[in-house]
C-alpha atoms as a PDB file:
ATOM      1  CA  UNK A   1      -2.368  11.562  31.533  1.00  0.00           C
ATOM      2  CA  UNK A   2      -5.069  11.513  28.843  1.00  0.00           C
ATOM      3  CA  UNK A   3      -2.404  10.360  26.392  1.00  0.00           C
ATOM      4  CA  UNK A   4      -1.557   7.318  28.554  1.00  0.00           C
ATOM      5  CA  UNK A   5      -5.223   6.540  29.200  1.00  0.00           C
ATOM      6  CA  UNK A   6      -5.998   6.481  25.490  1.00  0.00           C
ATOM      7  CA  UNK A   7      -3.131   4.096  24.779  1.00  0.00           C
ATOM      8  CA  UNK A   8      -4.237   1.859  27.651  1.00  0.00           C
ATOM      9  CA  UNK A   9      -7.795   1.857  26.289  1.00  0.00           C
ATOM     10  CA  UNK A  10      -6.646  -0.316  23.386  1.00  0.00           C
ATOM     11  CA  UNK A  11      -5.909  -3.107  25.901  1.00  0.00           C
ATOM     12  CA  UNK A  12      -3.141  -4.560  23.772  1.00  0.00           C
ATOM     13  CA  UNK A  13      -0.992  -7.385  25.068  1.00  0.00           C
ATOM     14  CA  UNK A  14       2.797  -7.331  24.809  1.00  0.00           C
ATOM     15  CA  UNK A  15       2.528  -9.719  21.852  1.00  0.00           C
ATOM     16  CA  UNK A  16       0.047  -7.432  20.094  1.00  0.00           C
ATOM     17  CA  UNK A  17       2.256  -4.370  20.641  1.00  0.00           C
ATOM     18  CA  UNK A  18       5.186  -6.328  19.213  1.00  0.00           C
ATOM     19  CA  UNK A  19       3.098  -7.369  16.191  1.00  0.00           C
ATOM     20  CA  UNK A  20       1.994  -3.765  15.580  1.00  0.00           C
ATOM     21  CA  UNK A  21       5.582  -2.553  15.921  1.00  0.00           C
ATOM     22  CA  UNK A  22       6.689  -5.149  13.379  1.00  0.00           C
ATOM     23  CA  UNK A  23       3.915  -4.071  10.985  1.00  0.00           C
ATOM     24  CA  UNK A  24       4.785  -0.371  11.087  1.00  0.00           C
ATOM     25  CA  UNK A  25       8.490  -1.181  10.718  1.00  0.00           C
ATOM     26  CA  UNK A  26       7.595  -3.132   7.568  1.00  0.00           C
ATOM     27  CA  UNK A  27       5.551  -0.129   6.455  1.00  0.00           C
ATOM     28  CA  UNK A  28       8.678   2.019   6.574  1.00  0.00           C
ATOM     29  CA  UNK A  29      10.581  -0.607   4.588  1.00  0.00           C
ATOM     30  CA  UNK A  30       7.778  -0.770   2.039  1.00  0.00           C
ATOM     31  CA  UNK A  31       7.643   2.979   1.469  1.00  0.00           C
ATOM     32  CA  UNK A  32      11.424   3.106   1.083  1.00  0.00           C
ATOM     33  CA  UNK A  33      11.087   0.909  -1.997  1.00  0.00           C
ATOM     34  CA  UNK A  34      11.010  -2.657  -0.688  1.00  0.00           C
ATOM     35  CA  UNK A  35       7.637  -3.266  -2.264  1.00  0.00           C
ATOM     36  CA  UNK A  36       5.270  -6.201  -2.031  1.00  0.00           C
ATOM     37  CA  UNK A  37       5.033  -6.501   1.760  1.00  0.00           C
ATOM     38  CA  UNK A  38       1.976  -4.253   2.144  1.00  0.00           C
ATOM     39  CA  UNK A  39      -0.433  -7.173   2.479  1.00  0.00           C
ATOM     40  CA  UNK A  40       1.505  -8.489   5.476  1.00  0.00           C
ATOM     41  CA  UNK A  41       1.129  -5.085   7.165  1.00  0.00           C
ATOM     42  CA  UNK A  42      -2.610  -5.013   6.492  1.00  0.00           C
ATOM     43  CA  UNK A  43      -3.061  -8.566   7.786  1.00  0.00           C
ATOM     44  CA  UNK A  44      -1.241  -7.852  11.078  1.00  0.00           C
ATOM     45  CA  UNK A  45      -3.094  -4.614  11.820  1.00  0.00           C
ATOM     46  CA  UNK A  46      -6.455  -6.147  10.884  1.00  0.00           C
ATOM     47  CA  UNK A  47      -5.734  -9.032  13.242  1.00  0.00           C
ATOM     48  CA  UNK A  48      -5.016  -6.653  16.145  1.00  0.00           C
ATOM     49  CA  UNK A  49      -7.546  -3.853  15.554  1.00  0.00           C
ATOM     50  CA  UNK A  50     -10.164  -5.343  13.211  1.00  0.00           C
ATOM     51  CA  UNK A  51     -10.637  -5.033   9.460  1.00  0.00           C
ATOM     52  CA  UNK A  52     -12.208  -1.596   9.095  1.00  0.00           C
ATOM     53  CA  UNK A  53     -10.753   0.099  12.178  1.00  0.00           C
ATOM     54  CA  UNK A  54      -7.235  -0.816  11.078  1.00  0.00           C
ATOM     55  CA  UNK A  55      -7.625   1.156   7.829  1.00  0.00           C
ATOM     56  CA  UNK A  56      -8.009   4.390   9.805  1.00  0.00           C
ATOM     57  CA  UNK A  57      -5.092   3.585  12.087  1.00  0.00           C
ATOM     58  CA  UNK A  58      -2.869   2.786   9.116  1.00  0.00           C
ATOM     59  CA  UNK A  59      -3.714   5.768   6.894  1.00  0.00           C
ATOM     60  CA  UNK A  60      -1.918   8.586   8.805  1.00  0.00           C
ATOM     61  CA  UNK A  61       1.189   6.399   9.054  1.00  0.00           C
ATOM     62  CA  UNK A  62       1.024   5.772   5.314  1.00  0.00           C
ATOM     63  CA  UNK A  63       0.899   9.510   4.703  1.00  0.00           C
ATOM     64  CA  UNK A  64       3.832  10.188   7.029  1.00  0.00           C
ATOM     65  CA  UNK A  65       5.898   7.533   5.236  1.00  0.00           C
ATOM     66  CA  UNK A  66       4.756   8.911   1.864  1.00  0.00           C
ATOM     67  CA  UNK A  67       6.201  12.305   2.809  1.00  0.00           C
ATOM     68  CA  UNK A  68       9.635  10.772   3.404  1.00  0.00           C
ATOM     69  CA  UNK A  69       9.358   8.823   0.147  1.00  0.00           C
ATOM     70  CA  UNK A  70       8.422  11.798  -2.045  1.00  0.00           C
ATOM     71  CA  UNK A  71      11.239  13.887  -0.570  1.00  0.00           C
ATOM     72  CA  UNK A  72      13.821  11.123  -0.998  1.00  0.00           C
ATOM     73  CA  UNK A  73      12.762   9.900  -4.465  1.00  0.00           C
ATOM     74  CA  UNK A  74      11.175  13.083  -5.841  1.00  0.00           C
ATOM     75  CA  UNK A  75      13.502  13.512  -8.830  1.00  0.00           C
ATOM     76  CA  UNK A  76      12.659  10.041 -10.131  1.00  0.00           C
ATOM     77  CA  UNK A  77       8.872  10.470 -10.355  1.00  0.00           C
ATOM     78  CA  UNK A  78       7.313   9.968 -13.798  1.00  0.00           C
ATOM     79  CA  UNK A  79       4.466  12.485 -13.779  1.00  0.00           C
ATOM     80  CA  UNK A  80       3.104  11.331 -17.130  1.00  0.00           C
ATOM     81  CA  UNK A  81       1.899   8.096 -15.528  1.00  0.00           C
ATOM     82  CA  UNK A  82       0.719   9.768 -12.340  1.00  0.00           C
ATOM     83  CA  UNK A  83      -1.545  12.049 -14.381  1.00  0.00           C
ATOM     84  CA  UNK A  84      -2.933   9.029 -16.246  1.00  0.00           C
ATOM     85  CA  UNK A  85      -3.711   7.035 -13.100  1.00  0.00           C
ATOM     86  CA  UNK A  86      -4.897   9.682 -10.601  1.00  0.00           C
ATOM     87  CA  UNK A  87      -8.339  10.428 -12.149  1.00  0.00           C
ATOM     88  CA  UNK A  88      -9.200   6.723 -12.292  1.00  0.00           C
ATOM     89  CA  UNK A  89      -7.912   6.151  -8.779  1.00  0.00           C
ATOM     90  CA  UNK A  90     -10.081   8.985  -7.468  1.00  0.00           C
ATOM     91  CA  UNK A  91     -13.138   7.363  -9.074  1.00  0.00           C
ATOM     92  CA  UNK A  92     -12.140   4.067  -7.501  1.00  0.00           C
ATOM     93  CA  UNK A  93     -11.808   5.691  -4.061  1.00  0.00           C
ATOM     94  CA  UNK A  94     -15.257   7.302  -4.347  1.00  0.00           C
ATOM     95  CA  UNK A  95     -16.835   3.987  -5.323  1.00  0.00           C
ATOM     96  CA  UNK A  96     -15.009   2.365  -2.413  1.00  0.00           C
ATOM     97  CA  UNK A  97     -16.391   4.967   0.014  1.00  0.00           C
ATOM     98  CA  UNK A  98     -19.901   4.367  -1.300  1.00  0.00           C
ATOM     99  CA  UNK A  99     -20.011   0.578  -1.041  1.00  0.00           C
ATOM    100  CA  UNK A 100     -17.339   0.098   1.645  1.00  0.00           C
ATOM    101  CA  UNK A 101     -19.867  -0.670   4.364  1.00  0.00           C
ATOM    102  CA  UNK A 102     -21.803  -3.225   2.333  1.00  0.00           C
ATOM    103  CA  UNK A 103     -19.312  -5.340   0.396  1.00  0.00           C
ATOM    104  CA  UNK A 104     -18.600  -8.813   1.746  1.00  0.00           C
ATOM    105  CA  UNK A 105     -15.013  -8.854   3.002  1.00  0.00           C
ATOM    106  CA  UNK A 106     -14.617 -12.537   2.131  1.00  0.00           C
ATOM    107  CA  UNK A 107     -15.741 -12.044  -1.476  1.00  0.00           C
ATOM    108  CA  UNK A 108     -13.603  -8.925  -1.805  1.00  0.00           C
ATOM    109  CA  UNK A 109     -10.445 -10.588  -0.478  1.00  0.00           C
ATOM    110  CA  UNK A 110     -10.864 -13.710  -2.612  1.00  0.00           C
ATOM    111  CA  UNK A 111     -11.503 -11.679  -5.761  1.00  0.00           C
ATOM    112  CA  UNK A 112      -8.493  -9.476  -5.045  1.00  0.00           C
ATOM    113  CA  UNK A 113      -6.293 -12.505  -4.441  1.00  0.00           C
ATOM    114  CA  UNK A 114      -7.352 -14.119  -7.737  1.00  0.00           C
ATOM    115  CA  UNK A 115      -6.688 -10.883  -9.659  1.00  0.00           C
ATOM    116  CA  UNK A 116      -3.278 -10.426  -8.014  1.00  0.00           C
ATOM    117  CA  UNK A 117      -2.130 -14.007  -8.515  1.00  0.00           C
ATOM    118  CA  UNK A 118      -3.398 -14.061 -12.104  1.00  0.00           C
ATOM    119  CA  UNK A 119      -1.651 -10.775 -12.888  1.00  0.00           C
ATOM    120  CA  UNK A 120       1.603 -11.989 -11.352  1.00  0.00           C
ATOM    121  CA  UNK A 121       1.487 -15.143 -13.503  1.00  0.00           C
ATOM    122  CA  UNK A 122       1.077 -12.974 -16.589  1.00  0.00           C
ATOM    123  CA  UNK A 123       4.013 -10.824 -15.458  1.00  0.00           C
ATOM    124  CA  UNK A 124       6.193 -13.913 -14.876  1.00  0.00           C
ATOM    125  CA  UNK A 125       5.448 -15.084 -18.431  1.00  0.00           C
ATOM    126  CA  UNK A 126       6.277 -11.612 -19.763  1.00  0.00           C
ATOM    127  CA  UNK A 127       9.551 -11.539 -17.804  1.00  0.00           C
ATOM    128  CA  UNK A 128      10.623 -14.939 -19.161  1.00  0.00           C
ATOM    129  CA  UNK A 129       9.980 -13.797 -22.723  1.00  0.00           C
ATOM    130  CA  UNK A 130      12.441 -10.925 -22.156  1.00  0.00           C
ATOM    131  CA  UNK A 131      10.113  -8.568 -23.983  1.00  0.00           C
ATOM    132  CA  UNK A 132      10.620  -4.815 -23.598  1.00  0.00           C
ATOM    133  CA  UNK A 133       7.143  -4.036 -24.911  1.00  0.00           C
ATOM    134  CA  UNK A 134       4.908  -2.094 -22.514  1.00  0.00           C
ATOM    135  CA  UNK A 135       1.083  -2.037 -22.526  1.00  0.00           C
ATOM    136  CA  UNK A 136      -0.322   0.989 -24.357  1.00  0.00           C
ATOM    137  CA  UNK A 137      -3.999   0.108 -24.127  1.00  0.00           C
ATOM    138  CA  UNK A 138      -5.915   2.866 -22.303  1.00  0.00           C
ATOM    139  CA  UNK A 139      -8.263   0.225 -20.909  1.00  0.00           C
ATOM    140  CA  UNK A 140      -5.308  -1.332 -19.078  1.00  0.00           C
ATOM    141  CA  UNK A 141      -4.284   1.953 -17.430  1.00  0.00           C
ATOM    142  CA  UNK A 142      -7.813   3.022 -16.552  1.00  0.00           C
ATOM    143  CA  UNK A 143      -8.728  -0.436 -15.231  1.00  0.00           C
ATOM    144  CA  UNK A 144      -5.614  -0.699 -13.072  1.00  0.00           C
ATOM    145  CA  UNK A 145      -6.091   2.868 -11.837  1.00  0.00           C
ATOM    146  CA  UNK A 146      -9.716   2.267 -10.861  1.00  0.00           C
ATOM    147  CA  UNK A 147      -8.899  -1.043  -9.186  1.00  0.00           C
ATOM    148  CA  UNK A 148      -6.006   0.547  -7.262  1.00  0.00           C
ATOM    149  CA  UNK A 149      -8.229   3.387  -6.040  1.00  0.00           C
ATOM    150  CA  UNK A 150     -11.033   1.058  -5.028  1.00  0.00           C
ATOM    151  CA  UNK A 151      -8.771  -1.368  -3.171  1.00  0.00           C
ATOM    152  CA  UNK A 152      -6.784   1.341  -1.412  1.00  0.00           C
ATOM    153  CA  UNK A 153     -10.017   2.777   0.029  1.00  0.00           C
ATOM    154  CA  UNK A 154     -11.513  -0.568   1.038  1.00  0.00           C
ATOM    155  CA  UNK A 155      -8.457  -2.042   2.697  1.00  0.00           C
ATOM    156  CA  UNK A 156      -5.206  -0.216   1.805  1.00  0.00           C
ATOM    157  CA  UNK A 157      -4.536  -3.079  -0.614  1.00  0.00           C
ATOM    158  CA  UNK A 158      -3.567  -1.167  -3.747  1.00  0.00           C
ATOM    159  CA  UNK A 159       0.123  -2.048  -3.489  1.00  0.00           C
ATOM    160  CA  UNK A 160      -0.004  -5.299  -5.490  1.00  0.00           C
ATOM    161  CA  UNK A 161      -2.074  -3.632  -8.221  1.00  0.00           C
ATOM    162  CA  UNK A 162       0.316  -0.696  -8.566  1.00  0.00           C
ATOM    163  CA  UNK A 163       3.310  -3.065  -8.459  1.00  0.00           C
ATOM    164  CA  UNK A 164       1.938  -5.018 -11.400  1.00  0.00           C
ATOM    165  CA  UNK A 165       1.225  -1.829 -13.350  1.00  0.00           C
ATOM    166  CA  UNK A 166       4.672  -0.312 -12.839  1.00  0.00           C
ATOM    167  CA  UNK A 167       6.394  -3.600 -13.604  1.00  0.00           C
ATOM    168  CA  UNK A 168       4.382  -3.783 -16.834  1.00  0.00           C
ATOM    169  CA  UNK A 169       5.588  -0.267 -17.660  1.00  0.00           C
ATOM    170  CA  UNK A 170       9.183  -1.539 -17.336  1.00  0.00           C
ATOM    171  CA  UNK A 171      10.146   1.158 -14.831  1.00  0.00           C
ATOM    172  CA  UNK A 172      13.713   1.048 -13.497  1.00  0.00           C
ATOM    173  CA  UNK A 173      13.974   0.704  -9.713  1.00  0.00           C
ATOM    174  CA  UNK A 174      14.150   4.394  -8.727  1.00  0.00           C
ATOM    175  CA  UNK A 175      11.461   5.491 -11.204  1.00  0.00           C
ATOM    176  CA  UNK A 176       9.215   2.727  -9.864  1.00  0.00           C
ATOM    177  CA  UNK A 177       9.656   3.910  -6.262  1.00  0.00           C
ATOM    178  CA  UNK A 178       9.481   7.653  -6.995  1.00  0.00           C
ATOM    179  CA  UNK A 179       6.350   7.432  -9.124  1.00  0.00           C
ATOM    180  CA  UNK A 180       4.570   5.183  -6.628  1.00  0.00           C
ATOM    181  CA  UNK A 181       5.572   7.525  -3.784  1.00  0.00           C
ATOM    182  CA  UNK A 182       3.908  10.586  -5.303  1.00  0.00           C
ATOM    183  CA  UNK A 183       0.916   8.621  -6.569  1.00  0.00           C
ATOM    184  CA  UNK A 184       0.046   7.225  -3.154  1.00  0.00           C
ATOM    185  CA  UNK A 185       0.852  10.414  -1.270  1.00  0.00           C
ATOM    186  CA  UNK A 186      -1.744  12.250  -3.379  1.00  0.00           C
ATOM    187  CA  UNK A 187      -4.376   9.520  -3.125  1.00  0.00           C
ATOM    188  CA  UNK A 188      -3.849   8.877   0.605  1.00  0.00           C
ATOM    189  CA  UNK A 189      -4.320  12.575   1.398  1.00  0.00           C
ATOM    190  CA  UNK A 190      -7.475  12.496  -0.755  1.00  0.00           C
ATOM    191  CA  UNK A 191      -8.778   9.527   1.282  1.00  0.00           C
ATOM    192  CA  UNK A 192      -8.210  11.165   4.666  1.00  0.00           C
ATOM    193  CA  UNK A 193     -11.419  13.278   4.884  1.00  0.00           C
ATOM    194  CA  UNK A 194     -13.550  10.215   4.112  1.00  0.00           C
ATOM    195  CA  UNK A 195     -11.950   8.342   6.998  1.00  0.00           C
ATOM    196  CA  UNK A 196     -12.546  11.344   9.265  1.00  0.00           C
ATOM    197  CA  UNK A 197     -16.099  12.303   8.365  1.00  0.00           C
ATOM    198  CA  UNK A 198     -17.734   9.338   6.607  1.00  0.00           C
ATOM    199  CA  UNK A 199     -16.266   6.139   8.037  1.00  0.00           C
ATOM    200  CA  UNK A 200     -15.032   7.848  11.244  1.00  0.00           C
ATOM    201  CA  UNK A 201     -12.074   5.484  11.426  1.00  0.00           C
ATOM    202  CA  UNK A 202      -9.568   8.311  12.048  1.00  0.00           C
ATOM    203  CA  UNK A 203     -10.142   9.849  15.492  1.00  0.00           C
ATOM    204  CA  UNK A 204      -8.244  11.659  18.225  1.00  0.00           C
ATOM    205  CA  UNK A 205      -7.492   8.298  19.798  1.00  0.00           C
ATOM    206  CA  UNK A 206      -6.091   6.750  16.621  1.00  0.00           C
ATOM    207  CA  UNK A 207      -3.947   9.821  15.937  1.00  0.00           C
ATOM    208  CA  UNK A 208      -2.413   9.578  19.417  1.00  0.00           C
ATOM    209  CA  UNK A 209      -1.600   5.942  18.729  1.00  0.00           C
ATOM    210  CA  UNK A 210       0.003   7.036  15.441  1.00  0.00           C
ATOM    211  CA  UNK A 211       2.359   9.433  17.248  1.00  0.00           C
ATOM    212  CA  UNK A 212       3.760   6.463  19.191  1.00  0.00           C
ATOM    213  CA  UNK A 213       4.246   4.361  16.062  1.00  0.00           C
ATOM    214  CA  UNK A 214       5.522   6.873  13.483  1.00  0.00           C
ATOM    215  CA  UNK A 215       9.145   6.862  14.818  1.00  0.00           C
ATOM    216  CA  UNK A 216       9.242   3.127  14.067  1.00  0.00           C
ATOM    217  CA  UNK A 217       7.999   3.868  10.531  1.00  0.00           C
ATOM    218  CA  UNK A 218      10.799   6.412  10.065  1.00  0.00           C
ATOM    219  CA  UNK A 219      13.432   3.914  11.244  1.00  0.00           C
ATOM    220  CA  UNK A 220      12.089   1.313   8.806  1.00  0.00           C
ATOM    221  CA  UNK A 221      12.180   3.816   5.952  1.00  0.00           C
ATOM    222  CA  UNK A 222      15.774   4.884   6.601  1.00  0.00           C
ATOM    223  CA  UNK A 223      16.969   1.277   6.832  1.00  0.00           C
ATOM    224  CA  UNK A 224      15.024   0.305   3.710  1.00  0.00           C
ATOM    225  CA  UNK A 225      16.396   3.231   1.678  1.00  0.00           C
ATOM    226  CA  UNK A 226      19.907   2.086   2.571  1.00  0.00           C
ATOM    227  CA  UNK A 227      19.174  -1.521   1.531  1.00  0.00           C
ATOM    228  CA  UNK A 228      17.512  -0.577  -1.784  1.00  0.00           C
ATOM    229  CA  UNK A 229      20.749   1.047  -3.019  1.00  0.00           C
ATOM    230  CA  UNK A 230      22.378  -2.383  -3.200  1.00  0.00           C
ATOM    231  CA  UNK A 231      19.597  -4.132  -5.161  1.00  0.00           C
ATOM    232  CA  UNK A 232      20.004  -4.298  -8.942  1.00  0.00           C
ATOM    233  CA  UNK A 233      17.094  -3.475 -11.263  1.00  0.00           C
ATOM    234  CA  UNK A 234      16.763  -7.124 -12.365  1.00  0.00           C
ATOM    235  CA  UNK A 235      16.756  -8.523  -8.850  1.00  0.00           C
ATOM    236  CA  UNK A 236      14.389  -5.748  -7.754  1.00  0.00           C
ATOM    237  CA  UNK A 237      11.814  -6.778 -10.365  1.00  0.00           C
ATOM    238  CA  UNK A 238      12.133 -10.443  -9.370  1.00  0.00           C
ATOM    239  CA  UNK A 239      11.754  -9.596  -5.686  1.00  0.00           C
ATOM    240  CA  UNK A 240       8.602  -7.543  -6.326  1.00  0.00           C
ATOM    241  CA  UNK A 241       7.022 -10.325  -8.398  1.00  0.00           C
ATOM    242  CA  UNK A 242       7.758 -13.045  -5.845  1.00  0.00           C
ATOM    243  CA  UNK A 243       6.630 -11.063  -2.789  1.00  0.00           C
ATOM    244  CA  UNK A 244       3.506  -9.796  -4.573  1.00  0.00           C
ATOM    245  CA  UNK A 245       2.581 -13.394  -5.470  1.00  0.00           C
ATOM    246  CA  UNK A 246       3.111 -14.499  -1.852  1.00  0.00           C
ATOM    247  CA  UNK A 247       0.935 -11.586  -0.724  1.00  0.00           C
ATOM    248  CA  UNK A 248      -1.834 -12.680  -3.069  1.00  0.00           C
ATOM    249  CA  UNK A 249      -1.750 -16.203  -1.608  1.00  0.00           C
ATOM    250  CA  UNK A 250      -1.827 -14.798   1.957  1.00  0.00           C
ATOM    251  CA  UNK A 251      -4.810 -12.635   1.042  1.00  0.00           C
ATOM    252  CA  UNK A 252      -6.676 -15.600  -0.459  1.00  0.00           C
ATOM    253  CA  UNK A 253      -6.335 -17.764   2.651  1.00  0.00           C
ATOM    254  CA  UNK A 254      -6.542 -14.928   5.190  1.00  0.00           C
END
């Protein structure tokens, strides 16, 4: 009875439930390896639940999908790069917790969009040159790690940043997915206490809502994992670049 009452307390229309279901289905697809659609998920949930509240609703579902991803793609993870990025991402998360209540959402979103679109343009130029050279500058890794940590805490928007980094590293498809899976599983679990005790965006009510939605996430993941098998490495890179660029444009005008 309490379970039903809590779900009814959200007062969602049929259209809103359908939109949320679509978003969490896309989340499953994203975590299976069909990257670049994370911004669409964030936009839909923010529209239904509000900017900040949606981050707490989304986080437990991200973690549940991360678990499937690390199990499925575990053998492909490149731990060398995870160890490089994690410390900087943790710093970024802590900074995000500190200023998360004060930063202007409009300024943040516009800045993020400009960074994403600019980075994608650079990646397109690199792809057309057919260069196999990867960035070795420590400033690049630390900067991308910090930015990913900061943006994942503020709005679960680290996907485009990590996509650009892993594309720059010239990761094959499975290594890309496996490394990202472990990286975000670790950092999302690290974020959870801050959402519980500092921002208070994860509550009993949001967790009950999550239990309704997680089966849809699982279905999306299983379907996505099946689809990814048929995508070549070259087409996978092109898909990520195009969808990430579209996401940056959506974020700018959101």
